Amino acid sequence: MIKKDLKVINKQGIHARPAGLISRTASQFESEIKLIKEGYEVNAKSIMGLLTLAAACGSVITATACGKDEKDAIEALEKIFAAGFDE
């Protein structure tokens, strides 16, 4: 299992569009991918779950991935978080 802290840097936080981007990205991998904020854990492949995180700008999210492509999954999530979800 790989863990990585990711910071939400876009002004509006994780709303519908970023949640869709995270979900689509996570769904490309076989690994089980979870995002955790303040002890609340959701499946990164679930748009509705991601929206329940209520992750505003500045929030730190812990991403975990477990599976044969876990390293690639975490790297892909790092890229989209670092890009501010292209907003």
PDB file of N, CA and C in Angstrom:
ATOM      1  N   MET A   1       0.844  -1.182   0.000  1.00  0.00           N
ATOM      2  CA  MET A   1       0.000   0.000   0.000  1.00  0.00           C
ATOM      3  C   MET A   1       0.882   1.236   0.000  1.00  0.00           C
ATOM      4  N   ILE A   2       0.439   2.225  -0.767  1.00  0.00           N
ATOM      5  CA  ILE A   2       1.143   3.502  -0.846  1.00  0.00           C
ATOM      6  C   ILE A   2       0.213   4.583  -0.291  1.00  0.00           C
ATOM      7  N   LYS A   3       0.778   5.502   0.503  1.00  0.00           N
ATOM      8  CA  LYS A   3       0.037   6.652   1.025  1.00  0.00           C
ATOM      9  C   LYS A   3       0.732   7.929   0.589  1.00  0.00           C
ATOM     10  N   LYS A   4      -0.066   8.934   0.276  1.00  0.00           N
ATOM     11  CA  LYS A   4       0.492  10.222  -0.140  1.00  0.00           C
ATOM     12  C   LYS A   4      -0.472  11.333   0.256  1.00  0.00           C
ATOM     13  N   ASP A   5       0.039  12.381   0.895  1.00  0.00           N
ATOM     14  CA  ASP A   5      -0.785  13.546   1.216  1.00  0.00           C
ATOM     15  C   ASP A   5      -0.842  14.471   0.001  1.00  0.00           C
ATOM     16  N   LEU A   6      -2.041  14.885  -0.353  1.00  0.00           N
ATOM     17  CA  LEU A   6      -2.267  15.763  -1.495  1.00  0.00           C
ATOM     18  C   LEU A   6      -3.025  16.992  -1.015  1.00  0.00           C
ATOM     19  N   LYS A   7      -2.651  18.152  -1.519  1.00  0.00           N
ATOM     20  CA  LYS A   7      -3.291  19.403  -1.103  1.00  0.00           C
ATOM     21  C   LYS A   7      -4.215  19.911  -2.201  1.00  0.00           C
ATOM     22  N   VAL A   8      -5.397  20.316  -1.822  1.00  0.00           N
ATOM     23  CA  VAL A   8      -6.365  20.907  -2.749  1.00  0.00           C
ATOM     24  C   VAL A   8      -5.966  22.365  -2.944  1.00  0.00           C
ATOM     25  N   ILE A   9      -5.575  22.723  -4.173  1.00  0.00           N
ATOM     26  CA  ILE A   9      -5.069  24.082  -4.406  1.00  0.00           C
ATOM     27  C   ILE A   9      -5.993  24.958  -5.252  1.00  0.00           C
ATOM     28  N   ASN A  10      -7.014  24.358  -5.876  1.00  0.00           N
ATOM     29  CA  ASN A  10      -7.914  25.198  -6.665  1.00  0.00           C
ATOM     30  C   ASN A  10      -8.858  25.958  -5.728  1.00  0.00           C
ATOM     31  N   LYS A  11      -9.310  27.134  -6.139  1.00  0.00           N
ATOM     32  CA  LYS A  11     -10.074  28.031  -5.273  1.00  0.00           C
ATOM     33  C   LYS A  11     -11.392  27.447  -4.780  1.00  0.00           C
ATOM     34  N   GLN A  12     -12.051  26.640  -5.600  1.00  0.00           N
ATOM     35  CA  GLN A  12     -13.382  26.149  -5.232  1.00  0.00           C
ATOM     36  C   GLN A  12     -13.359  24.772  -4.556  1.00  0.00           C
ATOM     37  N   GLY A  13     -12.195  24.198  -4.375  1.00  0.00           N
ATOM     38  CA  GLY A  13     -12.113  22.893  -3.731  1.00  0.00           C
ATOM     39  C   GLY A  13     -12.635  21.772  -4.626  1.00  0.00           C
ATOM     40  N   ILE A  14     -12.961  20.651  -4.002  1.00  0.00           N
ATOM     41  CA  ILE A  14     -13.452  19.507  -4.780  1.00  0.00           C
ATOM     42  C   ILE A  14     -14.970  19.626  -4.910  1.00  0.00           C
ATOM     43  N   HIS A  15     -15.389  20.133  -6.063  1.00  0.00           N
ATOM     44  CA  HIS A  15     -16.813  20.211  -6.396  1.00  0.00           C
ATOM     45  C   HIS A  15     -17.069  19.196  -7.512  1.00  0.00           C
ATOM     46  N   ALA A  16     -18.176  19.286  -8.209  1.00  0.00           N
ATOM     47  CA  ALA A  16     -18.574  18.242  -9.164  1.00  0.00           C
ATOM     48  C   ALA A  16     -17.535  17.954 -10.253  1.00  0.00           C
ATOM     49  N   ARG A  17     -16.998  18.990 -10.881  1.00  0.00           N
ATOM     50  CA  ARG A  17     -16.058  18.750 -11.976  1.00  0.00           C
ATOM     51  C   ARG A  17     -14.771  18.082 -11.500  1.00  0.00           C
ATOM     52  N   PRO A  18     -14.104  18.599 -10.452  1.00  0.00           N
ATOM     53  CA  PRO A  18     -12.917  17.908  -9.959  1.00  0.00           C
ATOM     54  C   PRO A  18     -13.223  16.488  -9.455  1.00  0.00           C
ATOM     55  N   ALA A  19     -14.383  16.302  -8.846  1.00  0.00           N
ATOM     56  CA  ALA A  19     -14.756  14.967  -8.375  1.00  0.00           C
ATOM     57  C   ALA A  19     -14.857  14.003  -9.553  1.00  0.00           C
ATOM     58  N   GLY A  20     -15.418  14.467 -10.649  1.00  0.00           N
ATOM     59  CA  GLY A  20     -15.504  13.641 -11.857  1.00  0.00           C
ATOM     60  C   GLY A  20     -14.132  13.316 -12.411  1.00  0.00           C
ATOM     61  N   LEU A  21     -13.244  14.307 -12.401  1.00  0.00           N
ATOM     62  CA  LEU A  21     -11.881  14.097 -12.892  1.00  0.00           C
ATOM     63  C   LEU A  21     -11.135  13.088 -12.012  1.00  0.00           C
ATOM     64  N   ILE A  22     -11.266  13.233 -10.705  1.00  0.00           N
ATOM     65  CA  ILE A  22     -10.610  12.291  -9.787  1.00  0.00           C
ATOM     66  C   ILE A  22     -11.165  10.884 -10.006  1.00  0.00           C
ATOM     67  N   SER A  23     -12.485  10.770 -10.097  1.00  0.00           N
ATOM     68  CA  SER A  23     -13.129   9.473 -10.278  1.00  0.00           C
ATOM     69  C   SER A  23     -12.704   8.809 -11.587  1.00  0.00           C
ATOM     70  N   ARG A  24     -12.703   9.568 -12.672  1.00  0.00           N
ATOM     71  CA  ARG A  24     -12.287   9.013 -13.979  1.00  0.00           C
ATOM     72  C   ARG A  24     -10.829   8.568 -13.940  1.00  0.00           C
ATOM     73  N   THR A  25      -9.991   9.363 -13.303  1.00  0.00           N
ATOM     74  CA  THR A  25      -8.572   9.020 -13.203  1.00  0.00           C
ATOM     75  C   THR A  25      -8.399   7.747 -12.378  1.00  0.00           C
ATOM     76  N   ALA A  26      -9.030   7.689 -11.218  1.00  0.00           N
ATOM     77  CA  ALA A  26      -8.903   6.527 -10.334  1.00  0.00           C
ATOM     78  C   ALA A  26      -9.456   5.259 -10.993  1.00  0.00           C
ATOM     79  N   SER A  27     -10.508   5.411 -11.781  1.00  0.00           N
ATOM     80  CA  SER A  27     -11.150   4.255 -12.419  1.00  0.00           C
ATOM     81  C   SER A  27     -10.289   3.609 -13.490  1.00  0.00           C
ATOM     82  N   GLN A  28      -9.240   4.271 -13.915  1.00  0.00           N
ATOM     83  CA  GLN A  28      -8.334   3.708 -14.914  1.00  0.00           C
ATOM     84  C   GLN A  28      -7.419   2.641 -14.325  1.00  0.00           C
ATOM     85  N   PHE A  29      -7.415   2.518 -12.998  1.00  0.00           N
ATOM     86  CA  PHE A  29      -6.490   1.614 -12.324  1.00  0.00           C
ATOM     87  C   PHE A  29      -7.242   0.486 -11.625  1.00  0.00           C
ATOM     88  N   GLU A  30      -6.600  -0.670 -11.551  1.00  0.00           N
ATOM     89  CA  GLU A  30      -7.185  -1.825 -10.870  1.00  0.00           C
ATOM     90  C   GLU A  30      -7.107  -1.689  -9.354  1.00  0.00           C
ATOM     91  N   SER A  31      -6.130  -0.961  -8.870  1.00  0.00           N
ATOM     92  CA  SER A  31      -5.909  -0.829  -7.426  1.00  0.00           C
ATOM     93  C   SER A  31      -7.127  -0.254  -6.720  1.00  0.00           C
ATOM     94  N   GLU A  32      -7.252  -0.592  -5.451  1.00  0.00           N
ATOM     95  CA  GLU A  32      -8.265   0.027  -4.600  1.00  0.00           C
ATOM     96  C   GLU A  32      -7.685   1.360  -4.150  1.00  0.00           C
ATOM     97  N   ILE A  33      -8.399   2.438  -4.435  1.00  0.00           N
ATOM     98  CA  ILE A  33      -7.901   3.779  -4.140  1.00  0.00           C
ATOM     99  C   ILE A  33      -8.887   4.480  -3.218  1.00  0.00           C
ATOM    100  N   LYS A  34      -8.381   4.990  -2.117  1.00  0.00           N
ATOM    101  CA  LYS A  34      -9.204   5.696  -1.135  1.00  0.00           C
ATOM    102  C   LYS A  34      -8.641   7.100  -0.922  1.00  0.00           C
ATOM    103  N   LEU A  35      -9.526   8.039  -0.636  1.00  0.00           N
ATOM    104  CA  LEU A  35      -9.120   9.383  -0.233  1.00  0.00           C
ATOM    105  C   LEU A  35      -9.654   9.604   1.175  1.00  0.00           C
ATOM    106  N   ILE A  36      -8.809  10.150   2.040  1.00  0.00           N
ATOM    107  CA  ILE A  36      -9.155  10.321   3.445  1.00  0.00           C
ATOM    108  C   ILE A  36      -8.944  11.780   3.843  1.00  0.00           C
ATOM    109  N   LYS A  37      -9.987  12.352   4.459  1.00  0.00           N
ATOM    110  CA  LYS A  37      -9.899  13.729   4.984  1.00  0.00           C
ATOM    111  C   LYS A  37     -10.420  13.704   6.414  1.00  0.00           C
ATOM    112  N   GLU A  38      -9.557  14.082   7.330  1.00  0.00           N
ATOM    113  CA  GLU A  38      -9.918  14.162   8.747  1.00  0.00           C
ATOM    114  C   GLU A  38     -10.589  12.881   9.239  1.00  0.00           C
ATOM    115  N   GLY A  39     -10.034  11.739   8.848  1.00  0.00           N
ATOM    116  CA  GLY A  39     -10.539  10.446   9.307  1.00  0.00           C
ATOM    117  C   GLY A  39     -11.700   9.887   8.507  1.00  0.00           C
ATOM    118  N   TYR A  40     -12.278  10.671   7.605  1.00  0.00           N
ATOM    119  CA  TYR A  40     -13.394  10.223   6.780  1.00  0.00           C
ATOM    120  C   TYR A  40     -12.841   9.672   5.475  1.00  0.00           C
ATOM    121  N   GLU A  41     -13.132   8.413   5.168  1.00  0.00           N
ATOM    122  CA  GLU A  41     -12.547   7.715   4.024  1.00  0.00           C
ATOM    123  C   GLU A  41     -13.607   7.427   2.960  1.00  0.00           C
ATOM    124  N   VAL A  42     -13.253   7.711   1.692  1.00  0.00           N
ATOM    125  CA  VAL A  42     -14.165   7.427   0.583  1.00  0.00           C
ATOM    126  C   VAL A  42     -13.414   6.728  -0.543  1.00  0.00           C
ATOM    127  N   ASN A  43     -14.174   6.026  -1.364  1.00  0.00           N
ATOM    128  CA  ASN A  43     -13.636   5.380  -2.552  1.00  0.00           C
ATOM    129  C   ASN A  43     -13.375   6.468  -3.598  1.00  0.00           C
ATOM    130  N   ALA A  44     -12.153   6.546  -4.098  1.00  0.00           N
ATOM    131  CA  ALA A  44     -11.796   7.587  -5.071  1.00  0.00           C
ATOM    132  C   ALA A  44     -12.480   7.395  -6.418  1.00  0.00           C
ATOM    133  N   LYS A  45     -13.093   6.239  -6.629  1.00  0.00           N
ATOM    134  CA  LYS A  45     -13.785   5.970  -7.892  1.00  0.00           C
ATOM    135  C   LYS A  45     -15.257   6.381  -7.833  1.00  0.00           C
ATOM    136  N   SER A  46     -15.695   6.900  -6.687  1.00  0.00           N
ATOM    137  CA  SER A  46     -17.089   7.298  -6.486  1.00  0.00           C
ATOM    138  C   SER A  46     -17.227   8.823  -6.435  1.00  0.00           C
ATOM    139  N   ILE A  47     -17.901   9.386  -7.432  1.00  0.00           N
ATOM    140  CA  ILE A  47     -18.097  10.837  -7.476  1.00  0.00           C
ATOM    141  C   ILE A  47     -18.864  11.304  -6.235  1.00  0.00           C
ATOM    142  N   MET A  48     -19.921  10.609  -5.890  1.00  0.00           N
ATOM    143  CA  MET A  48     -20.723  11.007  -4.729  1.00  0.00           C
ATOM    144  C   MET A  48     -19.905  10.943  -3.441  1.00  0.00           C
ATOM    145  N   GLY A  49     -19.097   9.906  -3.314  1.00  0.00           N
ATOM    146  CA  GLY A  49     -18.234   9.799  -2.141  1.00  0.00           C
ATOM    147  C   GLY A  49     -17.262  10.962  -2.057  1.00  0.00           C
ATOM    148  N   LEU A  50     -16.679  11.321  -3.188  1.00  0.00           N
ATOM    149  CA  LEU A  50     -15.719  12.423  -3.223  1.00  0.00           C
ATOM    150  C   LEU A  50     -16.364  13.745  -2.814  1.00  0.00           C
ATOM    151  N   LEU A  51     -17.599  13.959  -3.242  1.00  0.00           N
ATOM    152  CA  LEU A  51     -18.295  15.197  -2.893  1.00  0.00           C
ATOM    153  C   LEU A  51     -18.567  15.281  -1.395  1.00  0.00           C
ATOM    154  N   THR A  52     -18.744  14.143  -0.738  1.00  0.00           N
ATOM    155  CA  THR A  52     -19.021  14.157   0.704  1.00  0.00           C
ATOM    156  C   THR A  52     -17.799  14.546   1.532  1.00  0.00           C
ATOM    157  N   LEU A  53     -16.620  14.569   0.912  1.00  0.00           N
ATOM    158  CA  LEU A  53     -15.422  14.995   1.641  1.00  0.00           C
ATOM    159  C   LEU A  53     -15.482  16.475   2.011  1.00  0.00           C
ATOM    160  N   ALA A  54     -16.229  17.253   1.252  1.00  0.00           N
ATOM    161  CA  ALA A  54     -16.317  18.705   1.469  1.00  0.00           C
ATOM    162  C   ALA A  54     -14.919  19.312   1.583  1.00  0.00           C
ATOM    163  N   ALA A  55     -14.086  18.997   0.607  1.00  0.00           N
ATOM    164  CA  ALA A  55     -12.687  19.431   0.622  1.00  0.00           C
ATOM    165  C   ALA A  55     -12.545  20.812  -0.029  1.00  0.00           C
ATOM    166  N   ALA A  56     -12.345  21.803   0.793  1.00  0.00           N
ATOM    167  CA  ALA A  56     -12.171  23.177   0.321  1.00  0.00           C
ATOM    168  C   ALA A  56     -10.708  23.434  -0.042  1.00  0.00           C
ATOM    169  N   CYS A  57     -10.463  24.589  -0.625  1.00  0.00           N
ATOM    170  CA  CYS A  57      -9.097  24.999  -0.948  1.00  0.00           C
ATOM    171  C   CYS A  57      -8.252  24.965   0.323  1.00  0.00           C
ATOM    172  N   GLY A  58      -7.083  24.359   0.225  1.00  0.00           N
ATOM    173  CA  GLY A  58      -6.182  24.252   1.362  1.00  0.00           C
ATOM    174  C   GLY A  58      -6.310  22.947   2.126  1.00  0.00           C
ATOM    175  N   SER A  59      -7.357  22.183   1.855  1.00  0.00           N
ATOM    176  CA  SER A  59      -7.538  20.888   2.529  1.00  0.00           C
ATOM    177  C   SER A  59      -6.415  19.931   2.144  1.00  0.00           C
ATOM    178  N   VAL A  60      -5.997  19.121   3.101  1.00  0.00           N
ATOM    179  CA  VAL A  60      -5.007  18.082   2.835  1.00  0.00           C
ATOM    180  C   VAL A  60      -5.735  16.741   2.853  1.00  0.00           C
ATOM    181  N   ILE A  61      -5.617  16.029   1.751  1.00  0.00           N
ATOM    182  CA  ILE A  61      -6.271  14.739   1.559  1.00  0.00           C
ATOM    183  C   ILE A  61      -5.188  13.664   1.515  1.00  0.00           C
ATOM    184  N   THR A  62      -5.391  12.577   2.238  1.00  0.00           N
ATOM    185  CA  THR A  62      -4.465  11.450   2.159  1.00  0.00           C
ATOM    186  C   THR A  62      -5.016  10.458   1.152  1.00  0.00           C
ATOM    187  N   ALA A  63      -4.228  10.174   0.131  1.00  0.00           N
ATOM    188  CA  ALA A  63      -4.603   9.176  -0.875  1.00  0.00           C
ATOM    189  C   ALA A  63      -3.884   7.875  -0.555  1.00  0.00           C
ATOM    190  N   THR A  64      -4.622   6.771  -0.612  1.00  0.00           N
ATOM    191  CA  THR A  64      -4.011   5.456  -0.437  1.00  0.00           C
ATOM    192  C   THR A  64      -4.378   4.603  -1.634  1.00  0.00           C
ATOM    193  N   ALA A  65      -3.446   3.781  -2.053  1.00  0.00           N
ATOM    194  CA  ALA A  65      -3.699   2.860  -3.149  1.00  0.00           C
ATOM    195  C   ALA A  65      -3.089   1.507  -2.797  1.00  0.00           C
ATOM    196  N   CYS A  66      -3.839   0.463  -3.099  1.00  0.00           N
ATOM    197  CA  CYS A  66      -3.381  -0.882  -2.803  1.00  0.00           C
ATOM    198  C   CYS A  66      -3.707  -1.766  -4.003  1.00  0.00           C
ATOM    199  N   GLY A  67      -2.666  -2.314  -4.624  1.00  0.00           N
ATOM    200  CA  GLY A  67      -2.859  -3.163  -5.794  1.00  0.00           C
ATOM    201  C   GLY A  67      -1.630  -3.151  -6.666  1.00  0.00           C
ATOM    202  N   LYS A  68      -1.722  -3.870  -7.776  1.00  0.00           N
ATOM    203  CA  LYS A  68      -0.526  -4.022  -8.605  1.00  0.00           C
ATOM    204  C   LYS A  68      -0.114  -2.748  -9.342  1.00  0.00           C
ATOM    205  N   ASP A  69      -1.028  -1.817  -9.544  1.00  0.00           N
ATOM    206  CA  ASP A  69      -0.677  -0.557 -10.221  1.00  0.00           C
ATOM    207  C   ASP A  69      -0.783   0.639  -9.266  1.00  0.00           C
ATOM    208  N   GLU A  70      -0.573   0.379  -7.968  1.00  0.00           N
ATOM    209  CA  GLU A  70      -0.739   1.420  -6.942  1.00  0.00           C
ATOM    210  C   GLU A  70       0.172   2.623  -7.143  1.00  0.00           C
ATOM    211  N   LYS A  71       1.400   2.384  -7.559  1.00  0.00           N
ATOM    212  CA  LYS A  71       2.354   3.489  -7.756  1.00  0.00           C
ATOM    213  C   LYS A  71       1.877   4.417  -8.872  1.00  0.00           C
ATOM    214  N   ASP A  72       1.452   3.838  -9.974  1.00  0.00           N
ATOM    215  CA  ASP A  72       0.961   4.642 -11.102  1.00  0.00           C
ATOM    216  C   ASP A  72      -0.306   5.405 -10.727  1.00  0.00           C
ATOM    217  N   ALA A  73      -1.172   4.780  -9.928  1.00  0.00           N
ATOM    218  CA  ALA A  73      -2.418   5.418  -9.511  1.00  0.00           C
ATOM    219  C   ALA A  73      -2.135   6.661  -8.665  1.00  0.00           C
ATOM    220  N   ILE A  74      -1.248   6.535  -7.703  1.00  0.00           N
ATOM    221  CA  ILE A  74      -0.910   7.671  -6.841  1.00  0.00           C
ATOM    222  C   ILE A  74      -0.245   8.778  -7.654  1.00  0.00           C
ATOM    223  N   GLU A  75       0.627   8.419  -8.577  1.00  0.00           N
ATOM    224  CA  GLU A  75       1.283   9.429  -9.423  1.00  0.00           C
ATOM    225  C   GLU A  75       0.265  10.180 -10.270  1.00  0.00           C
ATOM    226  N   ALA A  76      -0.733   9.480 -10.796  1.00  0.00           N
ATOM    227  CA  ALA A  76      -1.761  10.119 -11.616  1.00  0.00           C
ATOM    228  C   ALA A  76      -2.583  11.096 -10.780  1.00  0.00           C
ATOM    229  N   LEU A  77      -2.925  10.694  -9.549  1.00  0.00           N
ATOM    230  CA  LEU A  77      -3.669  11.594  -8.667  1.00  0.00           C
ATOM    231  C   LEU A  77      -2.823  12.804  -8.274  1.00  0.00           C
ATOM    232  N   GLU A  78      -1.544  12.580  -8.006  1.00  0.00           N
ATOM    233  CA  GLU A  78      -0.641  13.697  -7.681  1.00  0.00           C
ATOM    234  C   GLU A  78      -0.657  14.747  -8.784  1.00  0.00           C
ATOM    235  N   LYS A  79      -0.618  14.301 -10.037  1.00  0.00           N
ATOM    236  CA  LYS A  79      -0.582  15.217 -11.178  1.00  0.00           C
ATOM    237  C   LYS A  79      -1.840  16.085 -11.240  1.00  0.00           C
ATOM    238  N   ILE A  80      -3.016  15.467 -11.079  1.00  0.00           N
ATOM    239  CA  ILE A  80      -4.231  16.273 -11.211  1.00  0.00           C
ATOM    240  C   ILE A  80      -4.435  17.204 -10.017  1.00  0.00           C
ATOM    241  N   PHE A  81      -4.015  16.780  -8.823  1.00  0.00           N
ATOM    242  CA  PHE A  81      -4.091  17.683  -7.668  1.00  0.00           C
ATOM    243  C   PHE A  81      -3.115  18.846  -7.860  1.00  0.00           C
ATOM    244  N   ALA A  82      -1.895  18.575  -8.311  1.00  0.00           N
ATOM    245  CA  ALA A  82      -0.874  19.609  -8.501  1.00  0.00           C
ATOM    246  C   ALA A  82      -1.291  20.611  -9.589  1.00  0.00           C
ATOM    247  N   ALA A  83      -2.076  20.145 -10.553  1.00  0.00           N
ATOM    248  CA  ALA A  83      -2.543  21.015 -11.639  1.00  0.00           C
ATOM    249  C   ALA A  83      -3.788  21.796 -11.239  1.00  0.00           C
ATOM    250  N   GLY A  84      -4.242  21.627 -10.001  1.00  0.00           N
ATOM    251  CA  GLY A  84      -5.443  22.345  -9.547  1.00  0.00           C
ATOM    252  C   GLY A  84      -6.681  21.917 -10.309  1.00  0.00           C
ATOM    253  N   PHE A  85      -6.694  20.662 -10.757  1.00  0.00           N
ATOM    254  CA  PHE A  85      -7.798  20.088 -11.533  1.00  0.00           C
ATOM    255  C   PHE A  85      -8.053  20.870 -12.809  1.00  0.00           C
ATOM    256  N   ASP A  86      -6.994  21.498 -13.335  1.00  0.00           N
ATOM    257  CA  ASP A  86      -7.047  22.285 -14.575  1.00  0.00           C
ATOM    258  C   ASP A  86      -8.075  23.421 -14.523  1.00  0.00           C
ATOM    259  N   GLU A  87      -8.226  24.012 -13.351  1.00  0.00           N
ATOM    260  CA  GLU A  87      -9.170  25.146 -13.244  1.00  0.00           C
ATOM    261  C   GLU A  87      -8.416  26.451 -13.217  1.00  0.00           C
TER     262      GLU A  87
END
